[in-house]
Amino acid sequence: MRSFRENDYFNPPPPGGAQPPPPAPAPEAAPNQGGNRKAGGGRGSAPSTRSSMSGRSRKTCFTILLVALVIVILFLLLAVAFTVTVFLHVIGVLTLIPQLLPYEC
C-alpha cells in the first residue's frame, strides 16, 4: 500500500522513483543571552506599547473614534426621522396637515 506522501496530489514523488530527502533536523535552541535583565513589570522595565503611545497618536485615535460616533448618531437620527415620516404617511396624519393650513399649497 502506498503512503499518503506518495499519493499526495500537490507533492508528487520525484521522477525516477527516487525517495525525497529526509526533512532537515530542527535547529537547537539558542542559549539565553539576556544577561541580567529583569522581568517586565517594574519601574525600570521598558514601557509597554500602550503606555509608550505618544500623545499625538492618542489624540488622533480619540478624534477618529469621536468622528465615527458622530456619524453613527447622525445615521440613526436620519433613520428615525425617515421611519416616523413613513409611519405618519401610512396612518394618514400628513394628509390632514394641508387641510389645517389657511392657504392652499
N, C-alpha and C. Protein backbone atom coordinates (compact mmCIF):
# COMPACT_ATOMS: atom_id res chain seq x y z
N MET A 1 0.84 -1.18 0.00
CA MET A 1 0.00 0.00 0.00
C MET A 1 0.89 1.24 0.00
N ARG A 2 0.50 2.24 -0.74
CA ARG A 2 1.30 3.45 -0.84
C ARG A 2 1.02 4.36 0.35
N SER A 3 2.03 5.13 0.72
CA SER A 3 1.85 6.08 1.82
C SER A 3 1.12 7.32 1.32
N PHE A 4 0.69 8.12 2.25
CA PHE A 4 -0.03 9.34 1.89
C PHE A 4 0.86 10.26 1.06
N ARG A 5 2.15 10.34 1.44
CA ARG A 5 3.05 11.25 0.75
C ARG A 5 3.20 10.85 -0.73
N GLU A 6 3.17 9.57 -1.02
CA GLU A 6 3.31 9.12 -2.40
C GLU A 6 2.04 9.40 -3.19
N ASN A 7 0.91 9.48 -2.53
CA ASN A 7 -0.35 9.74 -3.20
C ASN A 7 -0.76 11.21 -3.13
N ASP A 8 0.09 12.05 -2.58
CA ASP A 8 -0.26 13.45 -2.39
C ASP A 8 -0.31 14.14 -3.76
N TYR A 9 -1.44 14.73 -4.09
CA TYR A 9 -1.63 15.36 -5.39
C TYR A 9 -0.73 16.58 -5.55
N PHE A 10 -0.59 17.37 -4.50
CA PHE A 10 0.15 18.62 -4.61
C PHE A 10 1.66 18.42 -4.45
N ASN A 11 2.09 17.30 -3.93
CA ASN A 11 3.51 16.99 -3.78
C ASN A 11 3.80 15.63 -4.41
N PRO A 12 3.83 15.57 -5.75
CA PRO A 12 4.05 14.27 -6.39
C PRO A 12 5.48 13.79 -6.12
N PRO A 13 5.69 12.47 -6.19
CA PRO A 13 7.05 11.94 -5.95
C PRO A 13 7.99 12.40 -7.06
N PRO A 14 9.27 12.53 -6.77
CA PRO A 14 10.22 12.96 -7.80
C PRO A 14 10.30 11.91 -8.91
N PRO A 15 10.65 12.35 -10.14
CA PRO A 15 10.72 11.39 -11.26
C PRO A 15 11.82 10.36 -11.02
N GLY A 16 11.63 9.19 -11.55
CA GLY A 16 12.61 8.12 -11.42
C GLY A 16 12.41 7.29 -10.17
N GLY A 17 11.42 7.56 -9.39
CA GLY A 17 11.13 6.77 -8.21
C GLY A 17 12.09 7.02 -7.06
N ALA A 18 12.93 8.04 -7.14
CA ALA A 18 13.86 8.33 -6.04
C ALA A 18 13.09 8.86 -4.84
N GLN A 19 13.53 8.46 -3.68
CA GLN A 19 12.87 8.92 -2.46
C GLN A 19 13.27 10.36 -2.17
N PRO A 20 12.35 11.18 -1.68
CA PRO A 20 12.71 12.55 -1.33
C PRO A 20 13.65 12.55 -0.13
N PRO A 21 14.49 13.57 -0.01
CA PRO A 21 15.41 13.62 1.12
C PRO A 21 14.65 13.77 2.43
N PRO A 22 15.20 13.24 3.51
CA PRO A 22 14.50 13.37 4.80
C PRO A 22 14.49 14.83 5.23
N PRO A 23 13.53 15.20 6.05
CA PRO A 23 13.47 16.60 6.50
C PRO A 23 14.69 16.95 7.33
N ALA A 24 15.08 18.22 7.24
CA ALA A 24 16.25 18.69 7.98
C ALA A 24 15.95 18.65 9.47
N PRO A 25 16.96 18.35 10.29
CA PRO A 25 16.72 18.34 11.74
C PRO A 25 16.45 19.75 12.24
N ALA A 26 15.68 19.82 13.31
CA ALA A 26 15.33 21.12 13.88
C ALA A 26 16.58 21.75 14.49
N PRO A 27 16.74 23.07 14.32
CA PRO A 27 17.91 23.73 14.92
C PRO A 27 17.82 23.71 16.44
N GLU A 28 18.97 23.67 17.06
CA GLU A 28 18.99 23.67 18.52
C GLU A 28 18.59 25.05 19.04
N ALA A 29 17.98 25.05 20.20
CA ALA A 29 17.56 26.32 20.79
C ALA A 29 18.78 27.12 21.19
N ALA A 30 18.73 28.42 20.91
CA ALA A 30 19.85 29.30 21.26
C ALA A 30 19.87 29.49 22.77
N PRO A 31 21.05 29.55 23.37
CA PRO A 31 21.10 29.79 24.82
C PRO A 31 20.61 31.18 25.16
N ASN A 32 20.14 31.34 26.37
CA ASN A 32 19.62 32.62 26.81
C ASN A 32 20.77 33.61 26.92
N GLN A 33 20.75 34.63 26.09
CA GLN A 33 21.81 35.63 26.11
C GLN A 33 21.30 36.94 26.66
N GLY A 34 20.27 36.87 27.48
CA GLY A 34 19.66 38.09 28.00
C GLY A 34 20.50 38.78 29.06
N GLY A 35 21.44 38.12 29.66
CA GLY A 35 22.24 38.76 30.68
C GLY A 35 21.45 38.93 31.96
N ASN A 36 21.62 40.05 32.61
CA ASN A 36 20.97 40.30 33.90
C ASN A 36 19.72 41.14 33.74
N ARG A 37 18.97 40.90 32.71
CA ARG A 37 17.75 41.68 32.52
C ARG A 37 16.71 41.27 33.54
N LYS A 38 15.94 42.27 33.97
CA LYS A 38 14.85 41.99 34.90
C LYS A 38 13.62 41.60 34.09
N ALA A 39 12.75 40.88 34.72
CA ALA A 39 11.47 40.58 34.09
C ALA A 39 10.66 41.85 34.02
N GLY A 40 9.74 41.93 33.07
CA GLY A 40 8.93 43.14 32.90
C GLY A 40 8.02 43.39 34.08
N GLY A 41 7.60 44.64 34.21
CA GLY A 41 6.63 44.96 35.24
C GLY A 41 7.14 45.94 36.27
N GLY A 42 8.45 46.14 36.40
CA GLY A 42 8.96 47.08 37.38
C GLY A 42 9.05 48.48 36.81
N ARG A 43 9.47 49.42 37.63
CA ARG A 43 9.60 50.79 37.15
C ARG A 43 10.71 50.92 36.13
N GLY A 44 11.72 50.10 36.22
CA GLY A 44 12.84 50.21 35.31
C GLY A 44 12.66 49.45 34.02
N SER A 45 11.56 48.76 33.87
CA SER A 45 11.37 47.96 32.65
C SER A 45 10.95 48.86 31.50
N ALA A 46 11.07 48.33 30.32
CA ALA A 46 10.69 49.08 29.13
C ALA A 46 9.19 49.32 29.15
N PRO A 47 8.75 50.47 28.66
CA PRO A 47 7.32 50.76 28.66
C PRO A 47 6.58 49.84 27.72
N SER A 48 5.37 49.52 28.09
CA SER A 48 4.56 48.67 27.21
C SER A 48 4.10 49.50 26.03
N THR A 49 3.53 48.83 25.04
CA THR A 49 3.11 49.55 23.84
C THR A 49 1.99 50.52 24.16
N ARG A 50 1.17 50.21 25.14
CA ARG A 50 0.07 51.10 25.47
C ARG A 50 0.58 52.38 26.12
N SER A 51 1.51 52.25 27.06
CA SER A 51 1.99 53.44 27.74
C SER A 51 2.98 54.21 26.89
N SER A 52 3.56 53.58 25.87
CA SER A 52 4.51 54.29 25.04
C SER A 52 3.83 55.01 23.88
N MET A 53 2.52 54.87 23.76
CA MET A 53 1.81 55.55 22.70
C MET A 53 1.93 57.05 22.91
N SER A 54 2.33 57.77 21.89
CA SER A 54 2.53 59.20 22.05
C SER A 54 1.20 59.91 22.21
N GLY A 55 1.27 61.13 22.76
CA GLY A 55 0.06 61.91 22.96
C GLY A 55 -0.62 62.25 21.65
N ARG A 56 0.19 62.44 20.60
CA ARG A 56 -0.38 62.80 19.31
C ARG A 56 -1.19 61.65 18.74
N SER A 57 -0.66 60.43 18.85
CA SER A 57 -1.41 59.29 18.30
C SER A 57 -2.65 59.01 19.14
N ARG A 58 -2.58 59.26 20.44
CA ARG A 58 -3.78 59.10 21.26
C ARG A 58 -4.85 60.10 20.84
N LYS A 59 -4.42 61.34 20.59
CA LYS A 59 -5.38 62.37 20.17
C LYS A 59 -5.98 62.00 18.83
N THR A 60 -5.17 61.48 17.92
CA THR A 60 -5.67 61.08 16.61
C THR A 60 -6.67 59.94 16.74
N CYS A 61 -6.35 58.97 17.57
CA CYS A 61 -7.24 57.83 17.78
C CYS A 61 -8.56 58.30 18.39
N PHE A 62 -8.47 59.19 19.37
CA PHE A 62 -9.67 59.71 20.01
C PHE A 62 -10.52 60.49 19.01
N THR A 63 -9.87 61.27 18.14
CA THR A 63 -10.60 62.05 17.14
C THR A 63 -11.32 61.13 16.16
N ILE A 64 -10.64 60.08 15.73
CA ILE A 64 -11.27 59.14 14.79
C ILE A 64 -12.48 58.47 15.44
N LEU A 65 -12.33 58.05 16.69
CA LEU A 65 -13.46 57.42 17.38
C LEU A 65 -14.62 58.40 17.56
N LEU A 66 -14.30 59.65 17.86
CA LEU A 66 -15.35 60.66 18.05
C LEU A 66 -16.09 60.93 16.75
N VAL A 67 -15.36 61.06 15.65
CA VAL A 67 -16.00 61.29 14.35
C VAL A 67 -16.87 60.09 13.97
N ALA A 68 -16.38 58.89 14.22
CA ALA A 68 -17.18 57.69 13.91
C ALA A 68 -18.46 57.67 14.74
N LEU A 69 -18.36 58.05 16.01
CA LEU A 69 -19.53 58.08 16.88
C LEU A 69 -20.55 59.11 16.38
N VAL A 70 -20.08 60.28 15.97
CA VAL A 70 -20.98 61.32 15.46
C VAL A 70 -21.67 60.84 14.19
N ILE A 71 -20.93 60.17 13.30
CA ILE A 71 -21.53 59.67 12.06
C ILE A 71 -22.60 58.63 12.37
N VAL A 72 -22.33 57.74 13.31
CA VAL A 72 -23.31 56.72 13.68
C VAL A 72 -24.56 57.36 14.27
N ILE A 73 -24.39 58.36 15.13
CA ILE A 73 -25.54 59.03 15.75
C ILE A 73 -26.37 59.75 14.69
N LEU A 74 -25.71 60.44 13.75
CA LEU A 74 -26.45 61.13 12.68
C LEU A 74 -27.20 60.13 11.80
N PHE A 75 -26.58 59.00 11.51
CA PHE A 75 -27.25 57.98 10.71
C PHE A 75 -28.49 57.45 11.43
N LEU A 76 -28.37 57.22 12.74
CA LEU A 76 -29.52 56.73 13.50
C LEU A 76 -30.64 57.77 13.55
N LEU A 77 -30.28 59.05 13.71
CA LEU A 77 -31.30 60.10 13.71
C LEU A 77 -32.00 60.18 12.35
N LEU A 78 -31.24 60.06 11.28
CA LEU A 78 -31.84 60.07 9.95
C LEU A 78 -32.78 58.88 9.76
N ALA A 79 -32.38 57.72 10.25
CA ALA A 79 -33.24 56.54 10.13
C ALA A 79 -34.52 56.71 10.93
N VAL A 80 -34.42 57.30 12.12
CA VAL A 80 -35.62 57.54 12.94
C VAL A 80 -36.54 58.54 12.25
N ALA A 81 -35.97 59.62 11.71
CA ALA A 81 -36.80 60.62 11.02
C ALA A 81 -37.50 60.01 9.81
N PHE A 82 -36.80 59.20 9.05
CA PHE A 82 -37.41 58.55 7.89
C PHE A 82 -38.52 57.60 8.32
N THR A 83 -38.28 56.84 9.37
CA THR A 83 -39.29 55.89 9.85
C THR A 83 -40.53 56.62 10.34
N VAL A 84 -40.35 57.70 11.09
CA VAL A 84 -41.50 58.47 11.59
C VAL A 84 -42.28 59.07 10.43
N THR A 85 -41.57 59.59 9.43
CA THR A 85 -42.26 60.18 8.27
C THR A 85 -43.08 59.14 7.53
N VAL A 86 -42.52 57.97 7.30
CA VAL A 86 -43.26 56.91 6.61
C VAL A 86 -44.45 56.46 7.45
N PHE A 87 -44.25 56.34 8.76
CA PHE A 87 -45.35 55.93 9.63
C PHE A 87 -46.49 56.95 9.58
N LEU A 88 -46.16 58.24 9.61
CA LEU A 88 -47.21 59.25 9.56
C LEU A 88 -47.92 59.24 8.21
N HIS A 89 -47.21 58.96 7.14
CA HIS A 89 -47.87 58.83 5.84
C HIS A 89 -48.83 57.66 5.84
N VAL A 90 -48.40 56.55 6.45
CA VAL A 90 -49.23 55.35 6.44
C VAL A 90 -50.52 55.58 7.22
N ILE A 91 -50.44 56.23 8.36
CA ILE A 91 -51.67 56.42 9.14
C ILE A 91 -52.46 57.64 8.68
N GLY A 92 -51.93 58.40 7.74
CA GLY A 92 -52.70 59.48 7.15
C GLY A 92 -52.62 60.81 7.86
N VAL A 93 -51.72 60.98 8.80
CA VAL A 93 -51.63 62.26 9.51
C VAL A 93 -51.13 63.36 8.60
N LEU A 94 -50.18 63.06 7.74
CA LEU A 94 -49.62 64.09 6.88
C LEU A 94 -50.61 64.58 5.83
N THR A 95 -51.61 63.78 5.53
CA THR A 95 -52.62 64.24 4.57
C THR A 95 -53.58 65.23 5.22
N LEU A 96 -53.63 65.27 6.55
CA LEU A 96 -54.50 66.21 7.24
C LEU A 96 -53.87 67.59 7.38
N ILE A 97 -52.58 67.68 7.32
CA ILE A 97 -51.90 68.96 7.55
C ILE A 97 -52.31 70.01 6.52
N PRO A 98 -52.37 69.72 5.21
CA PRO A 98 -52.79 70.76 4.26
C PRO A 98 -54.19 71.30 4.54
N GLN A 99 -55.06 70.50 5.12
CA GLN A 99 -56.42 70.97 5.43
C GLN A 99 -56.42 71.97 6.58
N LEU A 100 -55.40 71.91 7.42
CA LEU A 100 -55.34 72.82 8.56
C LEU A 100 -54.71 74.16 8.21
N LEU A 101 -54.06 74.25 7.06
CA LEU A 101 -53.41 75.50 6.68
C LEU A 101 -54.44 76.48 6.16
N PRO A 102 -54.24 77.79 6.40
CA PRO A 102 -55.22 78.78 5.93
C PRO A 102 -55.12 79.04 4.44
N TYR A 103 -54.10 78.56 3.78
CA TYR A 103 -53.94 78.78 2.34
C TYR A 103 -53.63 77.45 1.68
N GLU A 104 -53.80 77.43 0.34
CA GLU A 104 -53.55 76.19 -0.37
C GLU A 104 -52.11 76.15 -0.86
N CYS A 105 -51.48 74.97 -0.76
CA CYS A 105 -50.09 74.82 -1.21
C CYS A 105 -50.08 74.35 -2.65
